[in-house]
PDB file of all heavy atoms in Angstrom:
ATOM      1  N   MET A   1     -47.084  -1.034  34.009  1.00  0.00           N
ATOM      2  CA  MET A   1     -48.384  -0.529  34.403  1.00  0.00           C
ATOM      3  C   MET A   1     -48.171   0.366  35.633  1.00  0.00           C
ATOM      4  O   MET A   1     -47.759  -0.097  36.670  1.00  0.00           O
ATOM      5  CB  MET A   1     -49.252  -1.725  34.761  1.00  0.00           C
ATOM      6  CG  MET A   1     -50.532  -1.368  35.350  1.00  0.00           C
ATOM      7  SD  MET A   1     -51.512  -2.878  35.515  1.00  0.00           S
ATOM      8  CE  MET A   1     -52.657  -2.371  36.692  1.00  0.00           C
ATOM      9  N   SER A   2     -48.448   1.624  35.491  1.00  0.00           N
ATOM     10  CA  SER A   2     -48.249   2.576  36.604  1.00  0.00           C
ATOM     11  C   SER A   2     -49.625   3.039  37.052  1.00  0.00           C
ATOM     12  O   SER A   2     -50.584   3.095  36.294  1.00  0.00           O
ATOM     13  CB  SER A   2     -47.389   3.723  36.139  1.00  0.00           C
ATOM     14  OG  SER A   2     -48.020   4.452  35.157  1.00  0.00           O
ATOM     15  N   MET A   3     -49.637   3.425  38.354  1.00  0.00           N
ATOM     16  CA  MET A   3     -50.914   3.889  38.911  1.00  0.00           C
ATOM     17  C   MET A   3     -50.877   5.448  38.997  1.00  0.00           C
ATOM     18  O   MET A   3     -49.831   6.034  39.201  1.00  0.00           O
ATOM     19  CB  MET A   3     -51.105   3.343  40.330  1.00  0.00           C
ATOM     20  CG  MET A   3     -51.255   1.810  40.299  1.00  0.00           C
ATOM     21  SD  MET A   3     -51.544   0.966  41.896  1.00  0.00           S
ATOM     22  CE  MET A   3     -51.813   2.122  43.128  1.00  0.00           C
ATOM     23  N   SER A   4     -52.037   5.967  38.879  1.00  0.00           N
ATOM     24  CA  SER A   4     -52.105   7.449  38.997  1.00  0.00           C
ATOM     25  C   SER A   4     -51.965   7.849  40.482  1.00  0.00           C
ATOM     26  O   SER A   4     -52.098   7.008  41.377  1.00  0.00           O
ATOM     27  CB  SER A   4     -53.467   7.946  38.443  1.00  0.00           C
ATOM     28  OG  SER A   4     -54.489   7.608  39.314  1.00  0.00           O
ATOM     29  N   ARG A   5     -51.755   9.083  40.659  1.00  0.00           N
ATOM     30  CA  ARG A   5     -51.589   9.595  42.050  1.00  0.00           C
ATOM     31  C   ARG A   5     -52.867   9.320  42.837  1.00  0.00           C
ATOM     32  O   ARG A   5     -52.830   8.938  44.014  1.00  0.00           O
ATOM     33  CB  ARG A   5     -51.277  11.091  41.977  1.00  0.00           C
ATOM     34  CG  ARG A   5     -51.054  11.703  43.348  1.00  0.00           C
ATOM     35  CD  ARG A   5     -50.699  13.208  43.213  1.00  0.00           C
ATOM     36  NE  ARG A   5     -50.740  13.864  44.397  1.00  0.00           N
ATOM     37  CZ  ARG A   5     -49.680  14.051  45.213  1.00  0.00           C
ATOM     38  NH1 ARG A   5     -48.525  13.617  44.785  1.00  0.00           N
ATOM     39  NH2 ARG A   5     -49.773  14.698  46.345  1.00  0.00           N
ATOM     40  N   ASP A   6     -54.061   9.541  42.240  1.00  0.00           N
ATOM     41  CA  ASP A   6     -55.342   9.311  42.921  1.00  0.00           C
ATOM     42  C   ASP A   6     -55.503   7.835  43.302  1.00  0.00           C
ATOM     43  O   ASP A   6     -55.950   7.508  44.379  1.00  0.00           O
ATOM     44  CB  ASP A   6     -56.527   9.754  42.011  1.00  0.00           C
ATOM     45  CG  ASP A   6     -56.628  11.257  41.926  1.00  0.00           C
ATOM     46  OD1 ASP A   6     -56.060  11.977  42.756  1.00  0.00           O
ATOM     47  OD2 ASP A   6     -57.351  11.712  41.000  1.00  0.00           O
ATOM     48  N   GLN A   7     -55.079   6.967  42.400  1.00  0.00           N
ATOM     49  CA  GLN A   7     -55.101   5.532  42.682  1.00  0.00           C
ATOM     50  C   GLN A   7     -54.247   5.147  43.826  1.00  0.00           C
ATOM     51  O   GLN A   7     -54.609   4.377  44.705  1.00  0.00           O
ATOM     52  CB  GLN A   7     -54.807   4.684  41.441  1.00  0.00           C
ATOM     53  CG  GLN A   7     -55.867   4.764  40.359  1.00  0.00           C
ATOM     54  CD  GLN A   7     -55.402   4.066  39.083  1.00  0.00           C
ATOM     55  OE1 GLN A   7     -54.226   4.075  38.689  1.00  0.00           O
ATOM     56  NE2 GLN A   7     -56.353   3.398  38.393  1.00  0.00           N
ATOM     57  N   CYS A   8     -53.034   5.738  43.836  1.00  0.00           N
ATOM     58  CA  CYS A   8     -52.096   5.458  44.937  1.00  0.00           C
ATOM     59  C   CYS A   8     -52.686   5.935  46.262  1.00  0.00           C
ATOM     60  O   CYS A   8     -52.583   5.231  47.274  1.00  0.00           O
ATOM     61  CB  CYS A   8     -50.764   6.152  44.636  1.00  0.00           C
ATOM     62  SG  CYS A   8     -49.775   5.345  43.398  1.00  0.00           S
ATOM     63  N   GLU A   9     -53.239   7.149  46.267  1.00  0.00           N
ATOM     64  CA  GLU A   9     -53.837   7.679  47.492  1.00  0.00           C
ATOM     65  C   GLU A   9     -54.991   6.809  47.932  1.00  0.00           C
ATOM     66  O   GLU A   9     -55.199   6.549  49.136  1.00  0.00           O
ATOM     67  CB  GLU A   9     -54.295   9.117  47.276  1.00  0.00           C
ATOM     68  CG  GLU A   9     -53.111  10.094  47.245  1.00  0.00           C
ATOM     69  CD  GLU A   9     -53.557  11.552  47.041  1.00  0.00           C
ATOM     70  OE1 GLU A   9     -54.739  11.845  47.231  1.00  0.00           O
ATOM     71  OE2 GLU A   9     -52.711  12.363  46.687  1.00  0.00           O
ATOM     72  N   SER A  10     -55.802   6.361  46.965  1.00  0.00           N
ATOM     73  CA  SER A  10     -56.969   5.505  47.317  1.00  0.00           C
ATOM     74  C   SER A  10     -56.505   4.195  47.931  1.00  0.00           C
ATOM     75  O   SER A  10     -57.057   3.708  48.928  1.00  0.00           O
ATOM     76  CB  SER A  10     -57.769   5.249  46.052  1.00  0.00           C
ATOM     77  OG  SER A  10     -58.800   4.375  46.320  1.00  0.00           O
ATOM     78  N   VAL A  11     -55.445   3.603  47.359  1.00  0.00           N
ATOM     79  CA  VAL A  11     -54.897   2.360  47.859  1.00  0.00           C
ATOM     80  C   VAL A  11     -54.325   2.585  49.295  1.00  0.00           C
ATOM     81  O   VAL A  11     -54.565   1.812  50.186  1.00  0.00           O
ATOM     82  CB  VAL A  11     -53.832   1.754  46.926  1.00  0.00           C
ATOM     83  CG1 VAL A  11     -53.058   0.616  47.610  1.00  0.00           C
ATOM     84  CG2 VAL A  11     -54.480   1.274  45.663  1.00  0.00           C
ATOM     85  N   ALA A  12     -53.616   3.734  49.473  1.00  0.00           N
ATOM     86  CA  ALA A  12     -52.998   4.055  50.729  1.00  0.00           C
ATOM     87  C   ALA A  12     -54.114   4.231  51.814  1.00  0.00           C
ATOM     88  O   ALA A  12     -54.004   3.728  52.906  1.00  0.00           O
ATOM     89  CB  ALA A  12     -52.163   5.303  50.633  1.00  0.00           C
ATOM     90  N   LEU A  13     -55.181   4.922  51.433  1.00  0.00           N
ATOM     91  CA  LEU A  13     -56.284   5.086  52.401  1.00  0.00           C
ATOM     92  C   LEU A  13     -56.946   3.754  52.737  1.00  0.00           C
ATOM     93  O   LEU A  13     -57.325   3.505  53.865  1.00  0.00           O
ATOM     94  CB  LEU A  13     -57.327   6.080  51.818  1.00  0.00           C
ATOM     95  CG  LEU A  13     -56.920   7.541  51.768  1.00  0.00           C
ATOM     96  CD1 LEU A  13     -57.969   8.348  51.003  1.00  0.00           C
ATOM     97  CD2 LEU A  13     -56.699   8.091  53.175  1.00  0.00           C
ATOM     98  N   SER A  14     -57.108   2.909  51.701  1.00  0.00           N
ATOM     99  CA  SER A  14     -57.713   1.603  51.955  1.00  0.00           C
ATOM    100  C   SER A  14     -56.834   0.777  52.896  1.00  0.00           C
ATOM    101  O   SER A  14     -57.329   0.126  53.832  1.00  0.00           O
ATOM    102  CB  SER A  14     -57.910   0.824  50.641  1.00  0.00           C
ATOM    103  OG  SER A  14     -58.849   1.466  49.837  1.00  0.00           O
ATOM    104  N   VAL A  15     -55.502   0.783  52.684  1.00  0.00           N
ATOM    105  CA  VAL A  15     -54.592   0.055  53.538  1.00  0.00           C
ATOM    106  C   VAL A  15     -54.663   0.623  54.967  1.00  0.00           C
ATOM    107  O   VAL A  15     -54.674  -0.148  55.929  1.00  0.00           O
ATOM    108  CB  VAL A  15     -53.143   0.084  52.922  1.00  0.00           C
ATOM    109  CG1 VAL A  15     -52.168  -0.408  53.967  1.00  0.00           C
ATOM    110  CG2 VAL A  15     -53.095  -0.712  51.657  1.00  0.00           C
ATOM    111  N   GLU A  16     -54.638   1.943  55.047  1.00  0.00           N
ATOM    112  CA  GLU A  16     -54.710   2.566  56.363  1.00  0.00           C
ATOM    113  C   GLU A  16     -56.016   2.208  57.070  1.00  0.00           C
ATOM    114  O   GLU A  16     -56.000   1.899  58.281  1.00  0.00           O
ATOM    115  CB  GLU A  16     -54.627   4.083  56.211  1.00  0.00           C
ATOM    116  CG  GLU A  16     -54.439   4.850  57.498  1.00  0.00           C
ATOM    117  CD  GLU A  16     -54.274   6.355  57.276  1.00  0.00           C
ATOM    118  OE1 GLU A  16     -53.641   6.737  56.248  1.00  0.00           O
ATOM    119  OE2 GLU A  16     -54.751   7.116  58.155  1.00  0.00           O
ATOM    120  N   SER A  17     -57.093   2.199  56.384  1.00  0.00           N
ATOM    121  CA  SER A  17     -58.398   1.808  56.927  1.00  0.00           C
ATOM    122  C   SER A  17     -58.362   0.367  57.401  1.00  0.00           C
ATOM    123  O   SER A  17     -58.834   0.030  58.499  1.00  0.00           O
ATOM    124  CB  SER A  17     -59.489   2.032  55.890  1.00  0.00           C
ATOM    125  OG  SER A  17     -60.701   1.582  56.422  1.00  0.00           O
ATOM    126  N   LEU A  18     -57.769  -0.523  56.544  1.00  0.00           N
ATOM    127  CA  LEU A  18     -57.692  -1.902  56.899  1.00  0.00           C
ATOM    128  C   LEU A  18     -56.801  -2.115  58.155  1.00  0.00           C
ATOM    129  O   LEU A  18     -57.093  -2.926  59.031  1.00  0.00           O
ATOM    130  CB  LEU A  18     -57.117  -2.758  55.781  1.00  0.00           C
ATOM    131  CG  LEU A  18     -58.045  -2.956  54.575  1.00  0.00           C
ATOM    132  CD1 LEU A  18     -57.308  -3.602  53.389  1.00  0.00           C
ATOM    133  CD2 LEU A  18     -59.257  -3.802  54.966  1.00  0.00           C
ATOM    134  N   LEU A  19     -55.711  -1.351  58.247  1.00  0.00           N
ATOM    135  CA  LEU A  19     -54.840  -1.437  59.444  1.00  0.00           C
ATOM    136  C   LEU A  19     -55.568  -0.984  60.700  1.00  0.00           C
ATOM    137  O   LEU A  19     -55.426  -1.605  61.751  1.00  0.00           O
ATOM    138  CB  LEU A  19     -53.579  -0.609  59.218  1.00  0.00           C
ATOM    139  CG  LEU A  19     -52.526  -1.231  58.250  1.00  0.00           C
ATOM    140  CD1 LEU A  19     -51.385  -0.220  58.013  1.00  0.00           C
ATOM    141  CD2 LEU A  19     -51.972  -2.540  58.775  1.00  0.00           C
ATOM    142  N   ASN A  20     -56.357   0.092  60.561  1.00  0.00           N
ATOM    143  CA  ASN A  20     -57.105   0.596  61.706  1.00  0.00           C
ATOM    144  C   ASN A  20     -58.165  -0.445  62.141  1.00  0.00           C
ATOM    145  O   ASN A  20     -58.365  -0.674  63.315  1.00  0.00           O
ATOM    146  CB  ASN A  20     -57.800   1.924  61.369  1.00  0.00           C
ATOM    147  CG  ASN A  20     -56.790   3.057  61.365  1.00  0.00           C
ATOM    148  OD1 ASN A  20     -55.781   3.029  62.040  1.00  0.00           O
ATOM    149  ND2 ASN A  20     -57.090   4.128  60.609  1.00  0.00           N
ATOM    150  N   ASP A  21     -58.832  -1.041  61.165  1.00  0.00           N
ATOM    151  CA  ASP A  21     -59.782  -2.112  61.462  1.00  0.00           C
ATOM    152  C   ASP A  21     -59.125  -3.271  62.150  1.00  0.00           C
ATOM    153  O   ASP A  21     -59.652  -3.815  63.119  1.00  0.00           O
ATOM    154  CB  ASP A  21     -60.474  -2.589  60.189  1.00  0.00           C
ATOM    155  CG  ASP A  21     -61.461  -1.587  59.596  1.00  0.00           C
ATOM    156  OD1 ASP A  21     -61.809  -0.642  60.321  1.00  0.00           O
ATOM    157  OD2 ASP A  21     -61.864  -1.788  58.438  1.00  0.00           O
ATOM    158  N   ALA A  22     -57.923  -3.655  61.660  1.00  0.00           N
ATOM    159  CA  ALA A  22     -57.205  -4.760  62.263  1.00  0.00           C
ATOM    160  C   ALA A  22     -56.809  -4.464  63.697  1.00  0.00           C
ATOM    161  O   ALA A  22     -56.940  -5.308  64.604  1.00  0.00           O
ATOM    162  CB  ALA A  22     -55.951  -5.092  61.445  1.00  0.00           C
ATOM    163  N   LYS A  23     -56.345  -3.238  63.945  1.00  0.00           N
ATOM    164  CA  LYS A  23     -56.027  -2.825  65.330  1.00  0.00           C
ATOM    165  C   LYS A  23     -57.219  -2.844  66.228  1.00  0.00           C
ATOM    166  O   LYS A  23     -57.177  -3.300  67.388  1.00  0.00           O
ATOM    167  CB  LYS A  23     -55.395  -1.399  65.341  1.00  0.00           C
ATOM    168  CG  LYS A  23     -53.999  -1.351  64.841  1.00  0.00           C
ATOM    169  CD  LYS A  23     -53.472   0.130  64.792  1.00  0.00           C
ATOM    170  CE  LYS A  23     -52.147   0.222  64.127  1.00  0.00           C
ATOM    171  NZ  LYS A  23     -51.662   1.603  64.047  1.00  0.00           N
ATOM    172  N   ARG A  24     -58.374  -2.322  65.707  1.00  0.00           N
ATOM    173  CA  ARG A  24     -59.599  -2.313  66.522  1.00  0.00           C
ATOM    174  C   ARG A  24     -60.042  -3.740  66.813  1.00  0.00           C
ATOM    175  O   ARG A  24     -60.380  -4.038  67.981  1.00  0.00           O
ATOM    176  CB  ARG A  24     -60.681  -1.595  65.717  1.00  0.00           C
ATOM    177  CG  ARG A  24     -62.032  -1.433  66.468  1.00  0.00           C
ATOM    178  CD  ARG A  24     -63.064  -0.689  65.640  1.00  0.00           C
ATOM    179  NE  ARG A  24     -63.119  -1.107  64.253  1.00  0.00           N
ATOM    180  CZ  ARG A  24     -63.732  -2.200  63.789  1.00  0.00           C
ATOM    181  NH1 ARG A  24     -64.284  -3.024  64.649  1.00  0.00           N
ATOM    182  NH2 ARG A  24     -63.744  -2.524  62.490  1.00  0.00           N
ATOM    183  N   MET A  25     -59.977  -4.620  65.829  1.00  0.00           N
ATOM    184  CA  MET A  25     -60.349  -6.018  66.077  1.00  0.00           C
ATOM    185  C   MET A  25     -59.403  -6.718  67.047  1.00  0.00           C
ATOM    186  O   MET A  25     -59.832  -7.497  67.893  1.00  0.00           O
ATOM    187  CB  MET A  25     -60.415  -6.784  64.751  1.00  0.00           C
ATOM    188  CG  MET A  25     -61.617  -6.438  63.914  1.00  0.00           C
ATOM    189  SD  MET A  25     -61.889  -7.572  62.557  1.00  0.00           S
ATOM    190  CE  MET A  25     -61.196  -6.666  61.235  1.00  0.00           C
ATOM    191  N   GLN A  26     -58.117  -6.363  66.945  1.00  0.00           N
ATOM    192  CA  GLN A  26     -57.135  -6.963  67.854  1.00  0.00           C
ATOM    193  C   GLN A  26     -57.434  -6.514  69.290  1.00  0.00           C
ATOM    194  O   GLN A  26     -57.413  -7.333  70.218  1.00  0.00           O
ATOM    195  CB  GLN A  26     -55.729  -6.501  67.477  1.00  0.00           C
ATOM    196  CG  GLN A  26     -54.629  -7.174  68.262  1.00  0.00           C
ATOM    197  CD  GLN A  26     -53.247  -6.708  67.802  1.00  0.00           C
ATOM    198  OE1 GLN A  26     -53.093  -5.575  67.366  1.00  0.00           O
ATOM    199  NE2 GLN A  26     -52.273  -7.593  67.932  1.00  0.00           N
ATOM    200  N   MET A  27     -57.824  -5.272  69.492  1.00  0.00           N
ATOM    201  CA  MET A  27     -58.160  -4.770  70.852  1.00  0.00           C
ATOM    202  C   MET A  27     -59.435  -5.474  71.339  1.00  0.00           C
ATOM    203  O   MET A  27     -59.516  -5.833  72.504  1.00  0.00           O
ATOM    204  CB  MET A  27     -58.392  -3.232  70.811  1.00  0.00           C
ATOM    205  CG  MET A  27     -57.126  -2.422  70.725  1.00  0.00           C
ATOM    206  SD  MET A  27     -56.005  -2.723  72.139  1.00  0.00           S
ATOM    207  CE  MET A  27     -57.008  -2.110  73.478  1.00  0.00           C
ATOM    208  N   GLN A  28     -60.420  -5.651  70.424  1.00  0.00           N
ATOM    209  CA  GLN A  28     -61.618  -6.305  70.842  1.00  0.00           C
ATOM    210  C   GLN A  28     -61.353  -7.744  71.247  1.00  0.00           C
ATOM    211  O   GLN A  28     -61.881  -8.256  72.211  1.00  0.00           O
ATOM    212  CB  GLN A  28     -62.641  -6.302  69.688  1.00  0.00           C
ATOM    213  CG  GLN A  28     -63.311  -4.942  69.445  1.00  0.00           C
ATOM    214  CD  GLN A  28     -64.207  -4.935  68.211  1.00  0.00           C
ATOM    215  OE1 GLN A  28     -64.140  -5.847  67.402  1.00  0.00           O
ATOM    216  NE2 GLN A  28     -65.021  -3.872  68.127  1.00  0.00           N
TER     217      GLN A  28
END
């Protein structure tokens, strides 16, 4: 089962967003 390029980018953006949220929460 392979993911399309768009799906990979979407997952990468979601992970990046989650990491940013985690950093923000850690600072808070």
